[in-house]
Protein backbone atom coordinates (compact mmCIF):
# COMPACT_ATOMS: atom_id res chain seq x y z
CA MET A 1 -83.13 -12.43 -35.11
CA ILE A 2 -83.00 -10.08 -32.14
CA LYS A 3 -80.97 -10.90 -29.07
CA VAL A 4 -81.28 -9.09 -25.75
CA VAL A 5 -77.79 -8.69 -24.30
CA ARG A 6 -78.62 -6.53 -21.28
CA GLY A 7 -81.56 -5.98 -19.04
CA ASN A 8 -84.76 -7.93 -18.63
CA PRO A 9 -87.37 -6.51 -21.02
CA THR A 10 -91.02 -7.29 -20.59
CA PRO A 11 -92.96 -8.97 -23.38
CA GLU A 12 -94.57 -5.60 -24.11
CA GLU A 13 -91.18 -3.90 -24.46
CA LEU A 14 -89.97 -6.63 -26.80
CA ALA A 15 -93.14 -6.30 -28.87
CA ALA A 16 -92.66 -2.53 -29.12
CA ALA A 17 -89.03 -2.90 -30.19
CA LEU A 18 -89.95 -5.54 -32.76
CA ALA A 19 -92.73 -3.31 -34.13
CA VAL A 20 -90.21 -0.50 -34.70
CA VAL A 21 -87.73 -2.82 -36.41
CA ARG A 22 -90.43 -4.28 -38.66
CA ALA A 23 -91.77 -0.82 -39.56
CA ARG A 24 -88.28 0.39 -40.50
CA ALA A 25 -87.67 -2.72 -42.59
CA ALA A 26 -91.00 -2.29 -44.37
CA ALA A 27 -90.28 1.39 -45.07
CA ALA A 28 -86.84 0.58 -46.44
CA SER A 29 -88.20 -2.09 -48.75
CA ALA A 30 -91.00 0.19 -49.99
CA VAL A 31 -88.53 2.69 -51.52
CA PRO A 32 -87.58 1.71 -55.08
CA SER A 33 -83.88 0.95 -55.37
CA GLY A 34 -83.44 3.42 -58.26
CA ALA A 35 -85.17 6.29 -56.44
CA PRO A 36 -82.94 9.18 -55.40
CA ALA A 37 -82.45 9.65 -51.68
CA PRO A 38 -84.20 12.66 -50.16
CA ARG A 39 -81.91 15.67 -49.77
CA ASP A 40 -80.85 16.66 -46.34
CA ALA A 41 -81.82 20.27 -45.62
CA TRP A 42 -78.54 20.82 -43.75
CA SER A 43 -76.57 20.36 -46.95
CA ASP A 44 -78.74 22.76 -48.96
CA PRO A 45 -76.47 25.55 -50.29
CA SER A 46 -79.27 28.09 -50.04
CA ARG A 47 -79.16 27.74 -46.23
CA ILE A 48 -75.67 29.20 -46.04
CA ALA A 49 -76.38 32.11 -48.38
CA ALA A 50 -76.53 35.52 -46.74
CA HIS A 51 -80.05 36.47 -45.70
CA ARG A 52 -81.32 39.73 -44.37
CA LEU A 53 -82.92 39.49 -40.98
């Protein structure tokens, strides 16, 4: 359930917010629970290695 605690959203704004929430929920449920999480490029050790410019 979604509850609006501030503001006065239009029906279109509520529909857009609900579409985003439903899309995120569908994407999260589509990933198998045993699948490894994608690696974050910021934590890749090769990024901090010295590179010639």
